[in-house]
Amino acid sequence: MTISRRQFCGSLGAGLAAANSNLFADEQPTKPLRVIAYNIYKCTGWPNNRPRAKQAVAKGQMAKRLAMELALYEPDIINFSESPSEELTKEVAELLGMNHVRFPSGGNWPGTLLSKFEIIESQNAPMKGQRPKELFTRHWGRGTVKLPNGNPLIVHSAHLYPTADPTIRLKEIRAMIESMEPDLKAGKSMLLIGDLNHGPDTEEYKLWIDAGWVDTFAKVGKGDGPTIKADIPKWRIDYVMAAGPIAERVIESRPLFEGAFRLNINDKESFALSDHLPQLAVFE
């Protein structure tokens, strides 16, 4: 059978189009990974003695308010410090379409890890040996998230000891780094997110950096980046830190001093969702 030149060229063009379609099928742009660290003040609103905050709690509105505000930033992974009841954090997770792991506290300040992706394993305070009673009275937990490409991402969710004296906090950090050391040496992609209760000019901060952690705000952020308090923020104590290959992919890091996260100081009846601001980091 003979075919015309027009038919031949048409067939060739269709074949090339199909080949090019297959060639670039696996090169579609991937969605950035969006991570938020947030101390949520037990989901009571701040200041929690204002009538509107009390009313929102009494009417069971706080989980919905929190979820709606977070949803604006399309987060993939969230850490909560100072979590309320598990019932409330599960409600937030369900509203956001996220998986949920709770990290019990050595005191009364449990943590929560939420993820759009499957959390394939988790451990509470995974330090070597038994946890001394004075350590991790807030929380520390480790989870492994399975990313859409199938790769694992290790996430440490933490809230460290809050006093001005750094003695206990330094012990906590050294215990954490000892536990993290095999993963750090193996060059695994890792995140450390939460309320670390120290500034970037401290011995505690230096321990993280010396261990191989990258402060995402210090790398790509602008200004001083304070995260507390939600009315007039002055101190940077909430972090998204990264280690391994993911640390090279951070493109944005900033506190969210906006919307319902921010207290309107000109409205004496208003309240913010917490006394802290969330810290957002985005990875390409």
C-alpha atoms as a PDB file:
ATOM      1  CA  MET A   1       0.000   0.000   0.000  1.00  0.00           C
ATOM      2  CA  THR A   2       1.328   3.490  -0.835  1.00  0.00           C
ATOM      3  CA  ILE A   3       0.635   6.630   1.195  1.00  0.00           C
ATOM      4  CA  SER A   4       0.829  10.253   0.169  1.00  0.00           C
ATOM      5  CA  ARG A   5       3.467  12.653   1.441  1.00  0.00           C
ATOM      6  CA  ARG A   6       0.753  14.477   3.400  1.00  0.00           C
ATOM      7  CA  GLN A   7      -0.304  11.226   5.125  1.00  0.00           C
ATOM      8  CA  PHE A   8       3.326  10.382   5.904  1.00  0.00           C
ATOM      9  CA  CYS A   9       4.047  13.769   7.459  1.00  0.00           C
ATOM     10  CA  GLY A  10       0.805  13.609   9.444  1.00  0.00           C
ATOM     11  CA  SER A  11       1.668  10.189  10.807  1.00  0.00           C
ATOM     12  CA  LEU A  12       5.209  11.298  11.650  1.00  0.00           C
ATOM     13  CA  GLY A  13       3.956  14.394  13.462  1.00  0.00           C
ATOM     14  CA  ALA A  14       1.477  12.384  15.515  1.00  0.00           C
ATOM     15  CA  GLY A  15       4.200   9.909  16.430  1.00  0.00           C
ATOM     16  CA  LEU A  16       6.600  12.648  17.536  1.00  0.00           C
ATOM     17  CA  ALA A  17       3.877  14.305  19.608  1.00  0.00           C
ATOM     18  CA  ALA A  18       3.167  11.017  21.397  1.00  0.00           C
ATOM     19  CA  ALA A  19       6.884  10.418  21.968  1.00  0.00           C
ATOM     20  CA  ASN A  20       7.379  13.919  23.392  1.00  0.00           C
ATOM     21  CA  SER A  21       4.329  13.437  25.622  1.00  0.00           C
ATOM     22  CA  ASN A  22       5.849  10.279  27.071  1.00  0.00           C
ATOM     23  CA  LEU A  23       9.303  11.856  27.328  1.00  0.00           C
ATOM     24  CA  PHE A  24       8.117  14.679  29.571  1.00  0.00           C
ATOM     25  CA  ALA A  25       5.436  12.762  31.462  1.00  0.00           C
ATOM     26  CA  ASP A  26       7.697  12.370  34.513  1.00  0.00           C
ATOM     27  CA  GLU A  27       8.925  15.966  34.434  1.00  0.00           C
ATOM     28  CA  GLN A  28       5.777  17.703  35.636  1.00  0.00           C
ATOM     29  CA  PRO A  29       6.555  20.376  38.256  1.00  0.00           C
ATOM     30  CA  THR A  30       6.070  19.166  41.809  1.00  0.00           C
ATOM     31  CA  LYS A  31       4.170  21.118  44.422  1.00  0.00           C
ATOM     32  CA  PRO A  32       6.353  22.880  47.016  1.00  0.00           C
ATOM     33  CA  LEU A  33       6.398  21.385  50.527  1.00  0.00           C
ATOM     34  CA  ARG A  34       4.817  23.795  53.013  1.00  0.00           C
ATOM     35  CA  VAL A  35       5.618  23.392  56.721  1.00  0.00           C
ATOM     36  CA  ILE A  36       4.269  25.264  59.768  1.00  0.00           C
ATOM     37  CA  ALA A  37       5.485  25.220  63.382  1.00  0.00           C
ATOM     38  CA  TYR A  38       2.902  26.625  65.789  1.00  0.00           C
ATOM     39  CA  ASN A  39       2.500  26.828  69.571  1.00  0.00           C
ATOM     40  CA  ILE A  40      -1.300  26.967  69.784  1.00  0.00           C
ATOM     41  CA  TYR A  41      -1.697  27.920  73.478  1.00  0.00           C
ATOM     42  CA  LYS A  42      -4.004  24.945  74.113  1.00  0.00           C
ATOM     43  CA  CYS A  43      -6.475  26.344  71.584  1.00  0.00           C
ATOM     44  CA  THR A  44      -7.930  28.840  74.062  1.00  0.00           C
ATOM     45  CA  GLY A  45      -7.211  32.042  72.159  1.00  0.00           C
ATOM     46  CA  TRP A  46      -4.981  34.832  73.471  1.00  0.00           C
ATOM     47  CA  PRO A  47      -5.599  36.687  75.681  1.00  0.00           C
ATOM     48  CA  ASN A  48      -7.846  33.860  76.854  1.00  0.00           C
ATOM     49  CA  ASN A  49      -9.637  35.987  79.449  1.00  0.00           C
ATOM     50  CA  ARG A  50     -11.379  38.170  76.881  1.00  0.00           C
ATOM     51  CA  PRO A  51     -15.128  37.571  76.434  1.00  0.00           C
ATOM     52  CA  ARG A  52     -14.877  36.783  72.716  1.00  0.00           C
ATOM     53  CA  ALA A  53     -12.174  34.167  73.318  1.00  0.00           C
ATOM     54  CA  LYS A  54     -14.190  32.586  76.134  1.00  0.00           C
ATOM     55  CA  GLN A  55     -17.285  32.570  73.939  1.00  0.00           C
ATOM     56  CA  ALA A  56     -15.436  30.901  71.037  1.00  0.00           C
ATOM     57  CA  VAL A  57     -14.162  28.177  73.388  1.00  0.00           C
ATOM     58  CA  ALA A  58     -17.568  27.696  75.009  1.00  0.00           C
ATOM     59  CA  LYS A  59     -19.258  27.317  71.608  1.00  0.00           C
ATOM     60  CA  GLY A  60     -16.662  24.771  70.436  1.00  0.00           C
ATOM     61  CA  GLN A  61     -15.459  27.034  67.618  1.00  0.00           C
ATOM     62  CA  MET A  62     -11.714  27.069  68.207  1.00  0.00           C
ATOM     63  CA  ALA A  63     -10.770  23.977  66.184  1.00  0.00           C
ATOM     64  CA  LYS A  64     -12.686  25.316  63.171  1.00  0.00           C
ATOM     65  CA  ARG A  65     -11.186  28.794  63.534  1.00  0.00           C
ATOM     66  CA  LEU A  66      -7.684  27.341  63.758  1.00  0.00           C
ATOM     67  CA  ALA A  67      -8.188  24.992  60.807  1.00  0.00           C
ATOM     68  CA  MET A  68      -9.681  27.707  58.601  1.00  0.00           C
ATOM     69  CA  GLU A  69      -6.789  30.094  59.226  1.00  0.00           C
ATOM     70  CA  LEU A  70      -4.123  27.433  58.680  1.00  0.00           C
ATOM     71  CA  ALA A  71      -5.841  26.232  55.496  1.00  0.00           C
ATOM     72  CA  LEU A  72      -5.147  29.604  53.846  1.00  0.00           C
ATOM     73  CA  TYR A  73      -1.445  28.639  53.725  1.00  0.00           C
ATOM     74  CA  GLU A  74      -2.030  25.151  52.256  1.00  0.00           C
ATOM     75  CA  PRO A  75       0.278  23.388  54.748  1.00  0.00           C
ATOM     76  CA  ASP A  76       1.536  19.859  54.136  1.00  0.00           C
ATOM     77  CA  ILE A  77       3.101  19.347  57.577  1.00  0.00           C
ATOM     78  CA  ILE A  78       2.242  21.100  60.861  1.00  0.00           C
ATOM     79  CA  ASN A  79       3.612  20.888  64.383  1.00  0.00           C
ATOM     80  CA  PHE A  80       1.505  21.947  67.371  1.00  0.00           C
ATOM     81  CA  SER A  81       3.088  22.757  70.720  1.00  0.00           C
ATOM     82  CA  GLU A  82       0.866  23.104  73.810  1.00  0.00           C
ATOM     83  CA  SER A  83      -1.852  20.969  72.269  1.00  0.00           C
ATOM     84  CA  PRO A  84      -5.353  20.875  73.761  1.00  0.00           C
ATOM     85  CA  SER A  85      -7.313  17.633  74.138  1.00  0.00           C
ATOM     86  CA  GLU A  86      -6.692  15.013  71.481  1.00  0.00           C
ATOM     87  CA  GLU A  87     -10.343  15.345  70.477  1.00  0.00           C
ATOM     88  CA  LEU A  88      -9.720  18.944  69.400  1.00  0.00           C
ATOM     89  CA  THR A  89      -6.460  18.284  67.532  1.00  0.00           C
ATOM     90  CA  LYS A  90      -8.120  15.369  65.712  1.00  0.00           C
ATOM     91  CA  GLU A  91     -10.929  17.719  64.701  1.00  0.00           C
ATOM     92  CA  VAL A  92      -8.375  20.165  63.289  1.00  0.00           C
ATOM     93  CA  ALA A  93      -6.654  17.309  61.426  1.00  0.00           C
ATOM     94  CA  GLU A  94      -9.936  16.106  59.927  1.00  0.00           C
ATOM     95  CA  LEU A  95     -10.908  19.613  58.817  1.00  0.00           C
ATOM     96  CA  LEU A  96      -7.529  19.997  57.105  1.00  0.00           C
ATOM     97  CA  GLY A  97      -7.566  16.492  55.644  1.00  0.00           C
ATOM     98  CA  MET A  98      -4.415  15.534  57.516  1.00  0.00           C
ATOM     99  CA  ASN A  99      -3.056  12.533  59.371  1.00  0.00           C
ATOM    100  CA  HIS A 100      -2.487  12.986  63.096  1.00  0.00           C
ATOM    101  CA  VAL A 101       0.053  11.759  65.684  1.00  0.00           C
ATOM    102  CA  ARG A 102       0.052  12.882  69.312  1.00  0.00           C
ATOM    103  CA  PHE A 103       3.247  13.088  71.380  1.00  0.00           C
ATOM    104  CA  PRO A 104       2.489  12.785  75.113  1.00  0.00           C
ATOM    105  CA  SER A 105       4.153  15.327  77.382  1.00  0.00           C
ATOM    106  CA  GLY A 106       6.306  14.656  80.417  1.00  0.00           C
ATOM    107  CA  GLY A 107       4.162  17.406  81.981  1.00  0.00           C
ATOM    108  CA  ASN A 108       0.919  18.804  80.617  1.00  0.00           C
ATOM    109  CA  TRP A 109       1.923  20.228  77.223  1.00  0.00           C
ATOM    110  CA  PRO A 110       1.559  17.471  74.593  1.00  0.00           C
ATOM    111  CA  GLY A 111       2.658  17.914  70.995  1.00  0.00           C
ATOM    112  CA  THR A 112       0.986  17.039  67.715  1.00  0.00           C
ATOM    113  CA  LEU A 113       2.288  16.224  64.251  1.00  0.00           C
ATOM    114  CA  LEU A 114      -0.143  16.643  61.349  1.00  0.00           C
ATOM    115  CA  SER A 115       0.634  15.671  57.773  1.00  0.00           C
ATOM    116  CA  LYS A 116      -1.169  15.588  54.422  1.00  0.00           C
ATOM    117  CA  PHE A 117       0.986  12.547  53.715  1.00  0.00           C
ATOM    118  CA  GLU A 118       1.110   9.167  55.432  1.00  0.00           C
ATOM    119  CA  ILE A 119       2.985   9.090  58.746  1.00  0.00           C
ATOM    120  CA  ILE A 120       4.593   5.669  58.482  1.00  0.00           C
ATOM    121  CA  GLU A 121       6.101   5.554  61.977  1.00  0.00           C
ATOM    122  CA  SER A 122       6.415   7.673  65.110  1.00  0.00           C
ATOM    123  CA  GLN A 123       8.199   7.609  68.471  1.00  0.00           C
ATOM    124  CA  ASN A 124       7.789   9.722  71.579  1.00  0.00           C
ATOM    125  CA  ALA A 125      10.985  11.153  73.123  1.00  0.00           C
ATOM    126  CA  PRO A 126      13.226   8.652  71.270  1.00  0.00           C
ATOM    127  CA  MET A 127      16.353   9.334  73.323  1.00  0.00           C
ATOM    128  CA  LYS A 128      18.957   6.745  74.187  1.00  0.00           C
ATOM    129  CA  GLY A 129      18.126   5.214  77.552  1.00  0.00           C
ATOM    130  CA  GLN A 130      15.245   6.123  79.847  1.00  0.00           C
ATOM    131  CA  ARG A 131      13.945   9.684  79.858  1.00  0.00           C
ATOM    132  CA  PRO A 132      14.895  11.581  83.066  1.00  0.00           C
ATOM    133  CA  LYS A 133      11.820  13.173  84.651  1.00  0.00           C
ATOM    134  CA  GLU A 134      13.151  16.711  84.290  1.00  0.00           C
ATOM    135  CA  LEU A 135      13.607  16.423  80.513  1.00  0.00           C
ATOM    136  CA  PHE A 136      10.922  16.908  77.877  1.00  0.00           C
ATOM    137  CA  THR A 137       8.250  18.061  80.303  1.00  0.00           C
ATOM    138  CA  ARG A 138       6.857  19.794  77.210  1.00  0.00           C
ATOM    139  CA  HIS A 139       7.289  17.439  74.270  1.00  0.00           C
ATOM    140  CA  TRP A 140       9.573  15.870  71.723  1.00  0.00           C
ATOM    141  CA  GLY A 141       8.540  13.308  69.128  1.00  0.00           C
ATOM    142  CA  ARG A 142       9.933  11.845  65.921  1.00  0.00           C
ATOM    143  CA  GLY A 143       7.824  10.885  62.931  1.00  0.00           C
ATOM    144  CA  THR A 144       8.587   9.657  59.432  1.00  0.00           C
ATOM    145  CA  VAL A 145       6.433  11.056  56.642  1.00  0.00           C
ATOM    146  CA  LYS A 146       6.157   9.344  53.258  1.00  0.00           C
ATOM    147  CA  LEU A 147       6.370  12.045  50.603  1.00  0.00           C
ATOM    148  CA  PRO A 148       4.412  11.794  47.314  1.00  0.00           C
ATOM    149  CA  ASN A 149       7.553  10.608  45.487  1.00  0.00           C
ATOM    150  CA  GLY A 150       7.853   7.750  47.991  1.00  0.00           C
ATOM    151  CA  ASN A 151      10.864   9.185  49.807  1.00  0.00           C
ATOM    152  CA  PRO A 152      10.849   9.323  53.631  1.00  0.00           C
ATOM    153  CA  LEU A 153      11.139  12.632  55.480  1.00  0.00           C
ATOM    154  CA  ILE A 154      12.042  12.501  59.166  1.00  0.00           C
ATOM    155  CA  VAL A 155      10.240  15.159  61.230  1.00  0.00           C
ATOM    156  CA  HIS A 156      11.144  16.034  64.821  1.00  0.00           C
ATOM    157  CA  SER A 157       8.386  17.945  66.610  1.00  0.00           C
ATOM    158  CA  ALA A 158       9.587  19.691  69.773  1.00  0.00           C
ATOM    159  CA  HIS A 159       8.770  22.126  72.547  1.00  0.00           C
ATOM    160  CA  LEU A 160      11.709  22.687  74.894  1.00  0.00           C
ATOM    161  CA  TYR A 161      11.971  23.824  78.514  1.00  0.00           C
ATOM    162  CA  PRO A 162      10.939  27.488  78.834  1.00  0.00           C
ATOM    163  CA  THR A 163      12.915  29.129  81.679  1.00  0.00           C
ATOM    164  CA  ALA A 164      15.598  31.807  81.320  1.00  0.00           C
ATOM    165  CA  ASP A 165      18.118  29.394  82.851  1.00  0.00           C
ATOM    166  CA  PRO A 166      19.186  27.193  79.910  1.00  0.00           C
ATOM    167  CA  THR A 167      20.495  24.255  81.965  1.00  0.00           C
ATOM    168  CA  ILE A 168      17.613  21.827  81.352  1.00  0.00           C
ATOM    169  CA  ARG A 169      17.107  23.010  77.780  1.00  0.00           C
ATOM    170  CA  LEU A 170      20.780  22.323  76.980  1.00  0.00           C
ATOM    171  CA  LYS A 171      20.413  18.801  78.367  1.00  0.00           C
ATOM    172  CA  GLU A 172      17.344  18.280  76.195  1.00  0.00           C
ATOM    173  CA  ILE A 173      19.138  19.461  73.075  1.00  0.00           C
ATOM    174  CA  ARG A 174      22.206  17.300  73.707  1.00  0.00           C
ATOM    175  CA  ALA A 175      19.959  14.249  74.223  1.00  0.00           C
ATOM    176  CA  MET A 176      18.107  15.039  70.989  1.00  0.00           C
ATOM    177  CA  ILE A 177      21.291  15.501  68.973  1.00  0.00           C
ATOM    178  CA  GLU A 178      22.679  12.220  70.298  1.00  0.00           C
ATOM    179  CA  SER A 179      19.510  10.480  69.115  1.00  0.00           C
ATOM    180  CA  MET A 180      19.575  12.294  65.757  1.00  0.00           C
ATOM    181  CA  GLU A 181      23.267  11.718  65.083  1.00  0.00           C
ATOM    182  CA  PRO A 182      22.946   8.519  62.955  1.00  0.00           C
ATOM    183  CA  ASP A 183      20.386  10.190  60.671  1.00  0.00           C
ATOM    184  CA  LEU A 184      22.431  13.394  60.471  1.00  0.00           C
ATOM    185  CA  LYS A 185      25.594  11.465  59.564  1.00  0.00           C
ATOM    186  CA  ALA A 186      23.671   9.440  56.968  1.00  0.00           C
ATOM    187  CA  GLY A 187      22.624  12.703  55.281  1.00  0.00           C
ATOM    188  CA  LYS A 188      18.904  12.015  55.542  1.00  0.00           C
ATOM    189  CA  SER A 189      16.379  14.772  54.850  1.00  0.00           C
ATOM    190  CA  MET A 190      15.065  15.925  58.217  1.00  0.00           C
ATOM    191  CA  LEU A 191      12.999  18.715  59.753  1.00  0.00           C
ATOM    192  CA  LEU A 192      13.051  20.032  63.314  1.00  0.00           C
ATOM    193  CA  ILE A 193       9.962  22.138  63.955  1.00  0.00           C
ATOM    194  CA  GLY A 194       8.526  23.717  67.069  1.00  0.00           C
ATOM    195  CA  ASP A 195       8.837  26.110  69.981  1.00  0.00           C
ATOM    196  CA  LEU A 196      12.474  25.726  71.053  1.00  0.00           C
ATOM    197  CA  ASN A 197      12.270  28.479  73.695  1.00  0.00           C
ATOM    198  CA  HIS A 198      15.619  30.058  72.867  1.00  0.00           C
ATOM    199  CA  GLY A 199      16.813  32.811  70.586  1.00  0.00           C
ATOM    200  CA  PRO A 200      19.339  32.626  67.754  1.00  0.00           C
ATOM    201  CA  ASP A 201      22.051  34.258  69.879  1.00  0.00           C
ATOM    202  CA  THR A 202      22.313  31.480  72.478  1.00  0.00           C
ATOM    203  CA  GLU A 203      24.424  28.445  73.299  1.00  0.00           C
ATOM    204  CA  GLU A 204      21.386  26.257  72.572  1.00  0.00           C
ATOM    205  CA  TYR A 205      21.129  27.598  69.011  1.00  0.00           C
ATOM    206  CA  LYS A 206      24.850  27.024  68.434  1.00  0.00           C
ATOM    207  CA  LEU A 207      24.460  23.348  69.383  1.00  0.00           C
ATOM    208  CA  TRP A 208      21.903  22.857  66.598  1.00  0.00           C
ATOM    209  CA  ILE A 209      24.030  24.599  63.983  1.00  0.00           C
ATOM    210  CA  ASP A 210      27.195  22.743  65.006  1.00  0.00           C
ATOM    211  CA  ALA A 211      25.279  19.450  64.708  1.00  0.00           C
ATOM    212  CA  GLY A 212      24.397  20.195  61.081  1.00  0.00           C
ATOM    213  CA  TRP A 213      20.958  21.799  61.308  1.00  0.00           C
ATOM    214  CA  VAL A 214      20.107  24.759  59.066  1.00  0.00           C
ATOM    215  CA  ASP A 215      17.871  27.523  60.417  1.00  0.00           C
ATOM    216  CA  THR A 216      15.565  28.163  57.459  1.00  0.00           C
ATOM    217  CA  PHE A 217      14.765  31.712  58.549  1.00  0.00           C
ATOM    218  CA  ALA A 218      18.439  32.607  58.917  1.00  0.00           C
ATOM    219  CA  LYS A 219      19.018  31.248  55.407  1.00  0.00           C
ATOM    220  CA  VAL A 220      16.192  32.880  53.437  1.00  0.00           C
ATOM    221  CA  GLY A 221      14.162  35.031  55.844  1.00  0.00           C
ATOM    222  CA  LYS A 222      14.051  38.813  56.094  1.00  0.00           C
ATOM    223  CA  GLY A 223      14.377  41.042  59.157  1.00  0.00           C
ATOM    224  CA  ASP A 224      14.492  39.741  62.712  1.00  0.00           C
ATOM    225  CA  GLY A 225      11.552  37.337  62.389  1.00  0.00           C
ATOM    226  CA  PRO A 226      10.151  37.461  65.946  1.00  0.00           C
ATOM    227  CA  THR A 227       7.468  34.877  66.734  1.00  0.00           C
ATOM    228  CA  ILE A 228       6.208  35.979  70.153  1.00  0.00           C
ATOM    229  CA  LYS A 229       4.023  37.644  71.237  1.00  0.00           C
ATOM    230  CA  ALA A 230       1.173  37.978  68.798  1.00  0.00           C
ATOM    231  CA  ASP A 231       0.502  41.648  69.652  1.00  0.00           C
ATOM    232  CA  ILE A 232       4.001  43.167  69.423  1.00  0.00           C
ATOM    233  CA  PRO A 233       6.412  40.331  68.611  1.00  0.00           C
ATOM    234  CA  LYS A 234       9.911  40.780  70.051  1.00  0.00           C
ATOM    235  CA  TRP A 235      11.573  37.362  70.306  1.00  0.00           C
ATOM    236  CA  ARG A 236      12.310  34.595  67.803  1.00  0.00           C
ATOM    237  CA  ILE A 237      11.891  31.256  69.571  1.00  0.00           C
ATOM    238  CA  ASP A 238       9.856  29.181  67.056  1.00  0.00           C
ATOM    239  CA  TYR A 239      11.732  27.449  64.262  1.00  0.00           C
ATOM    240  CA  VAL A 240      11.617  25.319  61.170  1.00  0.00           C
ATOM    241  CA  MET A 241      15.098  23.809  60.903  1.00  0.00           C
ATOM    242  CA  ALA A 242      16.247  21.451  58.172  1.00  0.00           C
ATOM    243  CA  ALA A 243      19.089  18.995  57.613  1.00  0.00           C
ATOM    244  CA  GLY A 244      20.251  16.886  54.690  1.00  0.00           C
ATOM    245  CA  PRO A 245      19.227  17.486  51.052  1.00  0.00           C
ATOM    246  CA  ILE A 246      15.967  19.255  51.976  1.00  0.00           C
ATOM    247  CA  ALA A 247      17.945  22.043  53.684  1.00  0.00           C
ATOM    248  CA  GLU A 248      19.219  23.149  50.266  1.00  0.00           C
ATOM    249  CA  ARG A 249      15.679  23.453  48.911  1.00  0.00           C
ATOM    250  CA  VAL A 250      14.204  26.060  51.260  1.00  0.00           C
ATOM    251  CA  ILE A 251      12.828  29.052  49.344  1.00  0.00           C
ATOM    252  CA  GLU A 252      10.754  30.858  51.985  1.00  0.00           C
ATOM    253  CA  SER A 253      10.688  31.130  55.784  1.00  0.00           C
ATOM    254  CA  ARG A 254       8.745  33.700  57.794  1.00  0.00           C
ATOM    255  CA  PRO A 255       6.546  34.184  60.853  1.00  0.00           C
ATOM    256  CA  LEU A 256       2.874  34.710  60.018  1.00  0.00           C
ATOM    257  CA  PHE A 257       2.178  38.088  61.620  1.00  0.00           C
ATOM    258  CA  GLU A 258      -1.167  38.412  59.882  1.00  0.00           C
ATOM    259  CA  GLY A 259      -4.825  37.440  59.887  1.00  0.00           C
ATOM    260  CA  ALA A 260      -6.229  35.737  62.973  1.00  0.00           C
ATOM    261  CA  PHE A 261      -2.694  34.827  64.095  1.00  0.00           C
ATOM    262  CA  ARG A 262      -2.104  38.506  64.886  1.00  0.00           C
ATOM    263  CA  LEU A 263      -3.718  40.401  67.772  1.00  0.00           C
ATOM    264  CA  ASN A 264      -5.294  43.707  66.781  1.00  0.00           C
ATOM    265  CA  ILE A 265      -3.942  46.020  69.484  1.00  0.00           C
ATOM    266  CA  ASN A 266      -6.462  48.713  68.504  1.00  0.00           C
ATOM    267  CA  ASP A 267      -9.404  46.441  69.334  1.00  0.00           C
ATOM    268  CA  LYS A 268      -9.565  45.744  73.063  1.00  0.00           C
ATOM    269  CA  GLU A 269     -12.171  43.023  72.491  1.00  0.00           C
ATOM    270  CA  SER A 270     -10.176  41.055  69.905  1.00  0.00           C
ATOM    271  CA  PHE A 271      -8.086  37.935  70.452  1.00  0.00           C
ATOM    272  CA  ALA A 272      -5.469  36.043  68.476  1.00  0.00           C
ATOM    273  CA  LEU A 273      -5.428  32.266  68.035  1.00  0.00           C
ATOM    274  CA  SER A 274      -2.323  32.055  70.249  1.00  0.00           C
ATOM    275  CA  ASP A 275       0.291  34.179  71.984  1.00  0.00           C
ATOM    276  CA  HIS A 276       2.822  32.795  69.425  1.00  0.00           C
ATOM    277  CA  LEU A 277       2.918  33.341  65.679  1.00  0.00           C
ATOM    278  CA  PRO A 278       3.222  30.346  63.365  1.00  0.00           C
ATOM    279  CA  GLN A 279       6.536  29.912  61.550  1.00  0.00           C
ATOM    280  CA  LEU A 280       6.110  28.964  57.883  1.00  0.00           C
ATOM    281  CA  ALA A 281       8.794  27.406  55.694  1.00  0.00           C
ATOM    282  CA  VAL A 282       8.460  26.397  52.045  1.00  0.00           C
ATOM    283  CA  PHE A 283      10.722  23.915  50.229  1.00  0.00           C
ATOM    284  CA  GLU A 284      10.916  23.552  46.442  1.00  0.00           C
END
